[in-house]
Amino acid sequence: VEVRVMSAHRTPEAAAEFSKTARENGFGVIIAAAGKAAHLAGV
């Protein structure tokens, strides 16, 4: 498991880049936790 802080609103480019390359980086599933507006999982 790898754990990171990323924001859908404050670091959208980093979140998008992580997600785009997750499969090639050996990930099989992404778990995203967010409160309030909670757009992280969707992004």
PDB file of all heavy atoms in Angstrom:
ATOM      1  N   VAL A   1       0.845  -1.197   0.000  1.00  0.00           N
ATOM      2  CA  VAL A   1       0.000   0.000   0.000  1.00  0.00           C
ATOM      3  C   VAL A   1       0.879   1.244   0.000  1.00  0.00           C
ATOM      4  O   VAL A   1       1.901   1.290   0.681  1.00  0.00           O
ATOM      5  CB  VAL A   1      -0.984  -0.005   1.201  1.00  0.00           C
ATOM      6  CG1 VAL A   1      -0.258  -0.076   2.518  1.00  0.00           C
ATOM      7  CG2 VAL A   1      -1.919   1.176   1.175  1.00  0.00           C
ATOM      8  N   GLU A   2       0.491   2.220  -0.801  1.00  0.00           N
ATOM      9  CA  GLU A   2       1.146   3.528  -0.802  1.00  0.00           C
ATOM     10  C   GLU A   2       0.096   4.560  -0.422  1.00  0.00           C
ATOM     11  O   GLU A   2      -1.026   4.516  -0.919  1.00  0.00           O
ATOM     12  CB  GLU A   2       1.745   3.852  -2.171  1.00  0.00           C
ATOM     13  CG  GLU A   2       2.960   2.998  -2.483  1.00  0.00           C
ATOM     14  CD  GLU A   2       3.663   3.410  -3.769  1.00  0.00           C
ATOM     15  OE1 GLU A   2       3.490   4.574  -4.223  1.00  0.00           O
ATOM     16  OE2 GLU A   2       4.382   2.558  -4.307  1.00  0.00           O
ATOM     17  N   VAL A   3       0.473   5.469   0.444  1.00  0.00           N
ATOM     18  CA  VAL A   3      -0.458   6.454   0.994  1.00  0.00           C
ATOM     19  C   VAL A   3       0.039   7.851   0.632  1.00  0.00           C
ATOM     20  O   VAL A   3       1.227   8.153   0.823  1.00  0.00           O
ATOM     21  CB  VAL A   3      -0.565   6.306   2.532  1.00  0.00           C
ATOM     22  CG1 VAL A   3      -1.577   7.272   3.101  1.00  0.00           C
ATOM     23  CG2 VAL A   3      -0.906   4.862   2.898  1.00  0.00           C
ATOM     24  N   ARG A   4      -0.857   8.673   0.123  1.00  0.00           N
ATOM     25  CA  ARG A   4      -0.479  10.027  -0.292  1.00  0.00           C
ATOM     26  C   ARG A   4      -1.595  11.026  -0.009  1.00  0.00           C
ATOM     27  O   ARG A   4      -2.756  10.657   0.078  1.00  0.00           O
ATOM     28  CB  ARG A   4      -0.182  10.059  -1.784  1.00  0.00           C
ATOM     29  CG  ARG A   4       0.915   9.086  -2.165  1.00  0.00           C
ATOM     30  CD  ARG A   4       1.356   9.265  -3.552  1.00  0.00           C
ATOM     31  NE  ARG A   4       2.289   8.192  -3.874  1.00  0.00           N
ATOM     32  CZ  ARG A   4       2.857   8.047  -5.030  1.00  0.00           C
ATOM     33  NH1 ARG A   4       2.604   8.894  -5.996  1.00  0.00           N
ATOM     34  NH2 ARG A   4       3.686   7.059  -5.253  1.00  0.00           N
ATOM     35  N   VAL A   5      -1.210  12.291   0.079  1.00  0.00           N
ATOM     36  CA  VAL A   5      -2.166  13.398   0.157  1.00  0.00           C
ATOM     37  C   VAL A   5      -2.164  14.086  -1.200  1.00  0.00           C
ATOM     38  O   VAL A   5      -1.109  14.474  -1.704  1.00  0.00           O
ATOM     39  CB  VAL A   5      -1.784  14.410   1.260  1.00  0.00           C
ATOM     40  CG1 VAL A   5      -2.709  15.627   1.213  1.00  0.00           C
ATOM     41  CG2 VAL A   5      -1.810  13.769   2.623  1.00  0.00           C
ATOM     42  N   MET A   6      -3.351  14.190  -1.794  1.00  0.00           N
ATOM     43  CA  MET A   6      -3.536  14.920  -3.049  1.00  0.00           C
ATOM     44  C   MET A   6      -4.903  15.570  -2.991  1.00  0.00           C
ATOM     45  O   MET A   6      -5.830  15.005  -2.426  1.00  0.00           O
ATOM     46  CB  MET A   6      -3.494  13.971  -4.249  1.00  0.00           C
ATOM     47  CG  MET A   6      -2.159  13.394  -4.523  1.00  0.00           C
ATOM     48  SD  MET A   6      -2.247  12.376  -6.004  1.00  0.00           S
ATOM     49  CE  MET A   6      -0.682  11.555  -5.842  1.00  0.00           C
ATOM     50  N   SER A   7      -5.029  16.695  -3.605  1.00  0.00           N
ATOM     51  CA  SER A   7      -6.296  17.416  -3.582  1.00  0.00           C
ATOM     52  C   SER A   7      -6.869  17.539  -4.989  1.00  0.00           C
ATOM     53  O   SER A   7      -6.142  17.894  -5.926  1.00  0.00           O
ATOM     54  CB  SER A   7      -6.078  18.806  -2.984  1.00  0.00           C
ATOM     55  OG  SER A   7      -7.235  19.596  -3.148  1.00  0.00           O
ATOM     56  N   ALA A   8      -8.146  17.252  -5.100  1.00  0.00           N
ATOM     57  CA  ALA A   8      -8.828  17.436  -6.387  1.00  0.00           C
ATOM     58  C   ALA A   8      -8.851  18.900  -6.795  1.00  0.00           C
ATOM     59  O   ALA A   8      -8.902  19.219  -7.984  1.00  0.00           O
ATOM     60  CB  ALA A   8     -10.251  16.900  -6.298  1.00  0.00           C
ATOM     61  N   HIS A   9      -8.780  19.784  -5.804  1.00  0.00           N
ATOM     62  CA  HIS A   9      -8.908  21.216  -6.077  1.00  0.00           C
ATOM     63  C   HIS A   9      -7.592  21.974  -5.974  1.00  0.00           C
ATOM     64  O   HIS A   9      -7.364  22.916  -6.725  1.00  0.00           O
ATOM     65  CB  HIS A   9      -9.935  21.830  -5.116  1.00  0.00           C
ATOM     66  CG  HIS A   9     -11.253  21.141  -5.192  1.00  0.00           C
ATOM     67  ND1 HIS A   9     -11.710  20.295  -4.200  1.00  0.00           N
ATOM     68  CD2 HIS A   9     -12.208  21.132  -6.151  1.00  0.00           C
ATOM     69  CE1 HIS A   9     -12.886  19.811  -4.549  1.00  0.00           C
ATOM     70  NE2 HIS A   9     -13.217  20.303  -5.720  1.00  0.00           N
ATOM     71  N   ARG A  10      -6.732  21.571  -5.050  1.00  0.00           N
ATOM     72  CA  ARG A  10      -5.478  22.309  -4.843  1.00  0.00           C
ATOM     73  C   ARG A  10      -4.311  21.747  -5.648  1.00  0.00           C
ATOM     74  O   ARG A  10      -3.386  22.481  -5.974  1.00  0.00           O
ATOM     75  CB  ARG A  10      -5.139  22.329  -3.352  1.00  0.00           C
ATOM     76  CG  ARG A  10      -6.159  23.119  -2.546  1.00  0.00           C
ATOM     77  CD  ARG A  10      -5.797  23.166  -1.065  1.00  0.00           C
ATOM     78  NE  ARG A  10      -6.848  23.820  -0.318  1.00  0.00           N
ATOM     79  CZ  ARG A  10      -7.812  23.185   0.354  1.00  0.00           C
ATOM     80  NH1 ARG A  10      -7.854  21.877   0.388  1.00  0.00           N
ATOM     81  NH2 ARG A  10      -8.734  23.863   0.996  1.00  0.00           N
ATOM     82  N   THR A  11      -4.364  20.448  -5.959  1.00  0.00           N
ATOM     83  CA  THR A  11      -3.308  19.831  -6.782  1.00  0.00           C
ATOM     84  C   THR A  11      -3.943  18.943  -7.860  1.00  0.00           C
ATOM     85  O   THR A  11      -3.624  17.752  -7.966  1.00  0.00           O
ATOM     86  CB  THR A  11      -2.325  19.000  -5.920  1.00  0.00           C
ATOM     87  OG1 THR A  11      -3.060  17.953  -5.253  1.00  0.00           O
ATOM     88  CG2 THR A  11      -1.598  19.845  -4.906  1.00  0.00           C
ATOM     89  N   PRO A  12      -4.834  19.500  -8.672  1.00  0.00           N
ATOM     90  CA  PRO A  12      -5.530  18.662  -9.658  1.00  0.00           C
ATOM     91  C   PRO A  12      -4.601  18.018 -10.685  1.00  0.00           C
ATOM     92  O   PRO A  12      -4.839  16.888 -11.110  1.00  0.00           O
ATOM     93  CB  PRO A  12      -6.520  19.624 -10.317  1.00  0.00           C
ATOM     94  CG  PRO A  12      -5.965  20.983 -10.073  1.00  0.00           C
ATOM     95  CD  PRO A  12      -5.233  20.903  -8.759  1.00  0.00           C
ATOM     96  N   GLU A  13      -3.540  18.717 -11.079  1.00  0.00           N
ATOM     97  CA  GLU A  13      -2.620  18.144 -12.056  1.00  0.00           C
ATOM     98  C   GLU A  13      -1.897  16.932 -11.469  1.00  0.00           C
ATOM     99  O   GLU A  13      -1.731  15.908 -12.139  1.00  0.00           O
ATOM    100  CB  GLU A  13      -1.589  19.182 -12.537  1.00  0.00           C
ATOM    101  CG  GLU A  13      -2.190  20.336 -13.319  1.00  0.00           C
ATOM    102  CD  GLU A  13      -2.667  21.475 -12.429  1.00  0.00           C
ATOM    103  OE1 GLU A  13      -2.488  21.421 -11.180  1.00  0.00           O
ATOM    104  OE2 GLU A  13      -3.245  22.435 -12.962  1.00  0.00           O
ATOM    105  N   ALA A  14      -1.469  17.023 -10.216  1.00  0.00           N
ATOM    106  CA  ALA A  14      -0.777  15.901  -9.571  1.00  0.00           C
ATOM    107  C   ALA A  14      -1.717  14.705  -9.417  1.00  0.00           C
ATOM    108  O   ALA A  14      -1.318  13.556  -9.653  1.00  0.00           O
ATOM    109  CB  ALA A  14      -0.229  16.322  -8.208  1.00  0.00           C
ATOM    110  N   ALA A  15      -2.962  14.966  -9.055  1.00  0.00           N
ATOM    111  CA  ALA A  15      -3.941  13.886  -8.907  1.00  0.00           C
ATOM    112  C   ALA A  15      -4.187  13.210 -10.255  1.00  0.00           C
ATOM    113  O   ALA A  15      -4.209  11.981 -10.346  1.00  0.00           O
ATOM    114  CB  ALA A  15      -5.242  14.426  -8.319  1.00  0.00           C
ATOM    115  N   ALA A  16      -4.362  14.002 -11.294  1.00  0.00           N
ATOM    116  CA  ALA A  16      -4.592  13.449 -12.626  1.00  0.00           C
ATOM    117  C   ALA A  16      -3.389  12.641 -13.093  1.00  0.00           C
ATOM    118  O   ALA A  16      -3.540  11.532 -13.615  1.00  0.00           O
ATOM    119  CB  ALA A  16      -4.905  14.569 -13.618  1.00  0.00           C
ATOM    120  N   GLU A  17      -2.195  13.154 -12.900  1.00  0.00           N
ATOM    121  CA  GLU A  17      -0.977  12.451 -13.334  1.00  0.00           C
ATOM    122  C   GLU A  17      -0.793  11.147 -12.568  1.00  0.00           C
ATOM    123  O   GLU A  17      -0.447  10.123 -13.147  1.00  0.00           O
ATOM    124  CB  GLU A  17       0.253  13.349 -13.156  1.00  0.00           C
ATOM    125  CG  GLU A  17       1.549  12.740 -13.668  1.00  0.00           C
ATOM    126  CD  GLU A  17       1.522  12.405 -15.158  1.00  0.00           C
ATOM    127  OE1 GLU A  17       0.765  13.041 -15.927  1.00  0.00           O
ATOM    128  OE2 GLU A  17       2.272  11.492 -15.558  1.00  0.00           O
ATOM    129  N   PHE A  18      -1.038  11.171 -11.258  1.00  0.00           N
ATOM    130  CA  PHE A  18      -0.939   9.937 -10.472  1.00  0.00           C
ATOM    131  C   PHE A  18      -1.884   8.889 -11.033  1.00  0.00           C
ATOM    132  O   PHE A  18      -1.517   7.733 -11.247  1.00  0.00           O
ATOM    133  CB  PHE A  18      -1.256  10.193  -8.995  1.00  0.00           C
ATOM    134  CG  PHE A  18      -1.257   8.930  -8.196  1.00  0.00           C
ATOM    135  CD1 PHE A  18      -0.074   8.430  -7.681  1.00  0.00           C
ATOM    136  CD2 PHE A  18      -2.430   8.209  -8.006  1.00  0.00           C
ATOM    137  CE1 PHE A  18      -0.064   7.230  -6.973  1.00  0.00           C
ATOM    138  CE2 PHE A  18      -2.428   7.018  -7.306  1.00  0.00           C
ATOM    139  CZ  PHE A  18      -1.239   6.525  -6.786  1.00  0.00           C
ATOM    140  N   SER A  19      -3.122   9.286 -11.264  1.00  0.00           N
ATOM    141  CA  SER A  19      -4.141   8.358 -11.734  1.00  0.00           C
ATOM    142  C   SER A  19      -3.821   7.827 -13.129  1.00  0.00           C
ATOM    143  O   SER A  19      -3.984   6.637 -13.404  1.00  0.00           O
ATOM    144  CB  SER A  19      -5.496   9.062 -11.705  1.00  0.00           C
ATOM    145  OG  SER A  19      -6.528   8.145 -11.884  1.00  0.00           O
ATOM    146  N   LYS A  20      -3.360   8.701 -14.013  1.00  0.00           N
ATOM    147  CA  LYS A  20      -3.026   8.293 -15.383  1.00  0.00           C
ATOM    148  C   LYS A  20      -1.936   7.227 -15.409  1.00  0.00           C
ATOM    149  O   LYS A  20      -1.927   6.370 -16.287  1.00  0.00           O
ATOM    150  CB  LYS A  20      -2.558   9.501 -16.202  1.00  0.00           C
ATOM    151  CG  LYS A  20      -3.640  10.433 -16.626  1.00  0.00           C
ATOM    152  CD  LYS A  20      -3.039  11.622 -17.374  1.00  0.00           C
ATOM    153  CE  LYS A  20      -4.072  12.707 -17.583  1.00  0.00           C
ATOM    154  NZ  LYS A  20      -3.496  13.909 -18.195  1.00  0.00           N
ATOM    155  N   THR A  21      -1.008   7.293 -14.476  1.00  0.00           N
ATOM    156  CA  THR A  21       0.148   6.384 -14.483  1.00  0.00           C
ATOM    157  C   THR A  21       0.053   5.279 -13.433  1.00  0.00           C
ATOM    158  O   THR A  21       0.985   4.492 -13.287  1.00  0.00           O
ATOM    159  CB  THR A  21       1.445   7.186 -14.257  1.00  0.00           C
ATOM    160  OG1 THR A  21       1.376   7.853 -12.985  1.00  0.00           O
ATOM    161  CG2 THR A  21       1.671   8.217 -15.362  1.00  0.00           C
ATOM    162  N   ALA A  22      -1.050   5.202 -12.725  1.00  0.00           N
ATOM    163  CA  ALA A  22      -1.177   4.240 -11.620  1.00  0.00           C
ATOM    164  C   ALA A  22      -1.035   2.795 -12.092  1.00  0.00           C
ATOM    165  O   ALA A  22      -0.340   1.993 -11.459  1.00  0.00           O
ATOM    166  CB  ALA A  22      -2.504   4.438 -10.880  1.00  0.00           C
ATOM    167  N   ARG A  23      -1.674   2.438 -13.172  1.00  0.00           N
ATOM    168  CA  ARG A  23      -1.604   1.056 -13.663  1.00  0.00           C
ATOM    169  C   ARG A  23      -0.163   0.683 -14.002  1.00  0.00           C
ATOM    170  O   ARG A  23       0.338  -0.354 -13.576  1.00  0.00           O
ATOM    171  CB  ARG A  23      -2.502   0.853 -14.879  1.00  0.00           C
ATOM    172  CG  ARG A  23      -2.502  -0.592 -15.377  1.00  0.00           C
ATOM    173  CD  ARG A  23      -3.352  -0.768 -16.635  1.00  0.00           C
ATOM    174  NE  ARG A  23      -4.742  -0.439 -16.422  1.00  0.00           N
ATOM    175  CZ  ARG A  23      -5.658  -1.268 -15.906  1.00  0.00           C
ATOM    176  NH1 ARG A  23      -5.297  -2.480 -15.549  1.00  0.00           N
ATOM    177  NH2 ARG A  23      -6.906  -0.885 -15.752  1.00  0.00           N
ATOM    178  N   GLU A  24       0.514   1.517 -14.765  1.00  0.00           N
ATOM    179  CA  GLU A  24       1.895   1.209 -15.152  1.00  0.00           C
ATOM    180  C   GLU A  24       2.844   1.235 -13.951  1.00  0.00           C
ATOM    181  O   GLU A  24       3.925   0.638 -14.003  1.00  0.00           O
ATOM    182  CB  GLU A  24       2.382   2.129 -16.269  1.00  0.00           C
ATOM    183  CG  GLU A  24       2.544   3.582 -15.872  1.00  0.00           C
ATOM    184  CD  GLU A  24       2.767   4.496 -17.066  1.00  0.00           C
ATOM    185  OE1 GLU A  24       1.902   4.520 -17.965  1.00  0.00           O
ATOM    186  OE2 GLU A  24       3.799   5.192 -17.081  1.00  0.00           O
ATOM    187  N   ASN A  25       2.434   1.887 -12.869  1.00  0.00           N
ATOM    188  CA  ASN A  25       3.243   1.921 -11.652  1.00  0.00           C
ATOM    189  C   ASN A  25       2.907   0.794 -10.681  1.00  0.00           C
ATOM    190  O   ASN A  25       3.325   0.818  -9.524  1.00  0.00           O
ATOM    191  CB  ASN A  25       3.128   3.294 -10.975  1.00  0.00           C
ATOM    192  CG  ASN A  25       3.866   4.366 -11.750  1.00  0.00           C
ATOM    193  OD1 ASN A  25       4.922   4.106 -12.339  1.00  0.00           O
ATOM    194  ND2 ASN A  25       3.326   5.567 -11.791  1.00  0.00           N
ATOM    195  N   GLY A  26       2.128  -0.174 -11.134  1.00  0.00           N
ATOM    196  CA  GLY A  26       1.890  -1.379 -10.344  1.00  0.00           C
ATOM    197  C   GLY A  26       0.678  -1.375  -9.439  1.00  0.00           C
ATOM    198  O   GLY A  26       0.501  -2.291  -8.637  1.00  0.00           O
ATOM    199  N   PHE A  27      -0.180  -0.378  -9.568  1.00  0.00           N
ATOM    200  CA  PHE A  27      -1.381  -0.330  -8.741  1.00  0.00           C
ATOM    201  C   PHE A  27      -2.502  -1.141  -9.385  1.00  0.00           C
ATOM    202  O   PHE A  27      -2.596  -1.224 -10.609  1.00  0.00           O
ATOM    203  CB  PHE A  27      -1.839   1.114  -8.516  1.00  0.00           C
ATOM    204  CG  PHE A  27      -0.890   1.906  -7.673  1.00  0.00           C
ATOM    205  CD1 PHE A  27       0.076   2.708  -8.254  1.00  0.00           C
ATOM    206  CD2 PHE A  27      -0.943   1.820  -6.288  1.00  0.00           C
ATOM    207  CE1 PHE A  27       0.970   3.425  -7.474  1.00  0.00           C
ATOM    208  CE2 PHE A  27      -0.056   2.529  -5.508  1.00  0.00           C
ATOM    209  CZ  PHE A  27       0.909   3.328  -6.096  1.00  0.00           C
ATOM    210  N   GLY A  28      -3.348  -1.729  -8.548  1.00  0.00           N
ATOM    211  CA  GLY A  28      -4.499  -2.473  -9.028  1.00  0.00           C
ATOM    212  C   GLY A  28      -5.813  -1.828  -8.643  1.00  0.00           C
ATOM    213  O   GLY A  28      -6.827  -2.038  -9.298  1.00  0.00           O
ATOM    214  N   VAL A  29      -5.797  -1.041  -7.570  1.00  0.00           N
ATOM    215  CA  VAL A  29      -6.990  -0.372  -7.062  1.00  0.00           C
ATOM    216  C   VAL A  29      -6.544   0.944  -6.428  1.00  0.00           C
ATOM    217  O   VAL A  29      -5.472   1.021  -5.832  1.00  0.00           O
ATOM    218  CB  VAL A  29      -7.727  -1.225  -5.994  1.00  0.00           C
ATOM    219  CG1 VAL A  29      -8.964  -0.507  -5.463  1.00  0.00           C
ATOM    220  CG2 VAL A  29      -8.111  -2.595  -6.542  1.00  0.00           C
ATOM    221  N   ILE A  30      -7.409   1.946  -6.534  1.00  0.00           N
ATOM    222  CA  ILE A  30      -7.167   3.230  -5.864  1.00  0.00           C
ATOM    223  C   ILE A  30      -8.307   3.461  -4.881  1.00  0.00           C
ATOM    224  O   ILE A  30      -9.480   3.348  -5.241  1.00  0.00           O
ATOM    225  CB  ILE A  30      -7.112   4.395  -6.878  1.00  0.00           C
ATOM    226  CG1 ILE A  30      -5.960   4.202  -7.867  1.00  0.00           C
ATOM    227  CG2 ILE A  30      -6.990   5.738  -6.140  1.00  0.00           C
ATOM    228  CD1 ILE A  30      -5.969   5.200  -9.019  1.00  0.00           C
ATOM    229  N   ILE A  31      -7.951   3.772  -3.644  1.00  0.00           N
ATOM    230  CA  ILE A  31      -8.924   4.184  -2.630  1.00  0.00           C
ATOM    231  C   ILE A  31      -8.727   5.680  -2.420  1.00  0.00           C
ATOM    232  O   ILE A  31      -7.599   6.130  -2.228  1.00  0.00           O
ATOM    233  CB  ILE A  31      -8.721   3.422  -1.308  1.00  0.00           C
ATOM    234  CG1 ILE A  31      -8.977   1.923  -1.497  1.00  0.00           C
ATOM    235  CG2 ILE A  31      -9.616   3.995  -0.207  1.00  0.00           C
ATOM    236  CD1 ILE A  31      -8.634   1.066  -0.290  1.00  0.00           C
ATOM    237  N   ALA A  32      -9.821   6.435  -2.464  1.00  0.00           N
ATOM    238  CA  ALA A  32      -9.740   7.887  -2.312  1.00  0.00           C
ATOM    239  C   ALA A  32     -10.681   8.356  -1.213  1.00  0.00           C
ATOM    240  O   ALA A  32     -11.875   8.060  -1.250  1.00  0.00           O
ATOM    241  CB  ALA A  32     -10.095   8.576  -3.629  1.00  0.00           C
ATOM    242  N   ALA A  33     -10.143   9.070  -0.243  1.00  0.00           N
ATOM    243  CA  ALA A  33     -10.937   9.581   0.874  1.00  0.00           C
ATOM    244  C   ALA A  33     -10.957  11.099   0.833  1.00  0.00           C
ATOM    245  O   ALA A  33      -9.903  11.735   0.723  1.00  0.00           O
ATOM    246  CB  ALA A  33     -10.348   9.115   2.200  1.00  0.00           C
ATOM    247  N   ALA A  34     -12.163  11.650   0.921  1.00  0.00           N
ATOM    248  CA  ALA A  34     -12.278  13.106   0.924  1.00  0.00           C
ATOM    249  C   ALA A  34     -13.589  13.503   1.600  1.00  0.00           C
ATOM    250  O   ALA A  34     -14.557  12.750   1.575  1.00  0.00           O
ATOM    251  CB  ALA A  34     -12.238  13.663  -0.500  1.00  0.00           C
ATOM    252  N   GLY A  35     -13.588  14.676   2.168  1.00  0.00           N
ATOM    253  CA  GLY A  35     -14.775  15.206   2.816  1.00  0.00           C
ATOM    254  C   GLY A  35     -15.296  16.421   2.077  1.00  0.00           C
ATOM    255  O   GLY A  35     -14.722  16.876   1.093  1.00  0.00           O
ATOM    256  N   LYS A  36     -16.401  16.931   2.574  1.00  0.00           N
ATOM    257  CA  LYS A  36     -17.077  18.114   2.035  1.00  0.00           C
ATOM    258  C   LYS A  36     -17.371  17.951   0.544  1.00  0.00           C
ATOM    259  O   LYS A  36     -18.143  17.084   0.165  1.00  0.00           O
ATOM    260  CB  LYS A  36     -16.303  19.379   2.366  1.00  0.00           C
ATOM    261  CG  LYS A  36     -16.212  19.600   3.870  1.00  0.00           C
ATOM    262  CD  LYS A  36     -15.607  20.929   4.212  1.00  0.00           C
ATOM    263  CE  LYS A  36     -15.576  21.054   5.732  1.00  0.00           C
ATOM    264  NZ  LYS A  36     -15.096  22.314   6.190  1.00  0.00           N
ATOM    265  N   ALA A  37     -16.739  18.742  -0.340  1.00  0.00           N
ATOM    266  CA  ALA A  37     -17.032  18.644  -1.772  1.00  0.00           C
ATOM    267  C   ALA A  37     -16.681  17.268  -2.329  1.00  0.00           C
ATOM    268  O   ALA A  37     -17.319  16.794  -3.259  1.00  0.00           O
ATOM    269  CB  ALA A  37     -16.280  19.730  -2.529  1.00  0.00           C
ATOM    270  N   ALA A  38     -15.665  16.609  -1.781  1.00  0.00           N
ATOM    271  CA  ALA A  38     -15.319  15.212  -2.050  1.00  0.00           C
ATOM    272  C   ALA A  38     -15.240  14.859  -3.531  1.00  0.00           C
ATOM    273  O   ALA A  38     -15.813  13.879  -3.971  1.00  0.00           O
ATOM    274  CB  ALA A  38     -16.282  14.283  -1.313  1.00  0.00           C
ATOM    275  N   HIS A  39     -14.492  15.611  -4.297  1.00  0.00           N
ATOM    276  CA  HIS A  39     -14.342  15.333  -5.719  1.00  0.00           C
ATOM    277  C   HIS A  39     -13.145  14.447  -6.029  1.00  0.00           C
ATOM    278  O   HIS A  39     -12.953  14.066  -7.189  1.00  0.00           O
ATOM    279  CB  HIS A  39     -14.228  16.648  -6.499  1.00  0.00           C
ATOM    280  CG  HIS A  39     -15.460  17.470  -6.437  1.00  0.00           C
ATOM    281  ND1 HIS A  39     -15.449  18.814  -6.168  1.00  0.00           N
ATOM    282  CD2 HIS A  39     -16.757  17.134  -6.593  1.00  0.00           C
ATOM    283  CE1 HIS A  39     -16.678  19.276  -6.165  1.00  0.00           C
ATOM    284  NE2 HIS A  39     -17.493  18.273  -6.414  1.00  0.00           N
ATOM    285  N   LEU A  40     -12.337  14.104  -5.034  1.00  0.00           N
ATOM    286  CA  LEU A  40     -11.090  13.391  -5.278  1.00  0.00           C
ATOM    287  C   LEU A  40     -11.293  12.060  -5.997  1.00  0.00           C
ATOM    288  O   LEU A  40     -10.624  11.780  -6.998  1.00  0.00           O
ATOM    289  CB  LEU A  40     -10.331  13.174  -3.962  1.00  0.00           C
ATOM    290  CG  LEU A  40      -8.968  12.504  -4.076  1.00  0.00           C
ATOM    291  CD1 LEU A  40      -8.025  13.305  -4.969  1.00  0.00           C
ATOM    292  CD2 LEU A  40      -8.365  12.332  -2.685  1.00  0.00           C
ATOM    293  N   ALA A  41     -12.190  11.220  -5.523  1.00  0.00           N
ATOM    294  CA  ALA A  41     -12.393   9.913  -6.154  1.00  0.00           C
ATOM    295  C   ALA A  41     -12.808  10.069  -7.610  1.00  0.00           C
ATOM    296  O   ALA A  41     -12.328   9.348  -8.487  1.00  0.00           O
ATOM    297  CB  ALA A  41     -13.432   9.106  -5.372  1.00  0.00           C
ATOM    298  N   GLY A  42     -13.683  11.010  -7.884  1.00  0.00           N
ATOM    299  CA  GLY A  42     -14.132  11.236  -9.256  1.00  0.00           C
ATOM    300  C   GLY A  42     -13.030  11.738 -10.163  1.00  0.00           C
ATOM    301  O   GLY A  42     -12.921  11.310 -11.311  1.00  0.00           O
ATOM    302  N   VAL A  43     -12.203  12.646  -9.655  1.00  0.00           N
ATOM    303  CA  VAL A  43     -11.080  13.147 -10.455  1.00  0.00           C
ATOM    304  C   VAL A  43     -10.121  12.006 -10.773  1.00  0.00           C
ATOM    305  O   VAL A  43      -9.670  11.849 -11.914  1.00  0.00           O
ATOM    306  CB  VAL A  43     -10.352  14.297  -9.722  1.00  0.00           C
ATOM    307  CG1 VAL A  43      -9.011  14.611 -10.372  1.00  0.00           C
ATOM    308  CG2 VAL A  43     -11.234  15.542  -9.709  1.00  0.00           C
TER     309      VAL A  43
END
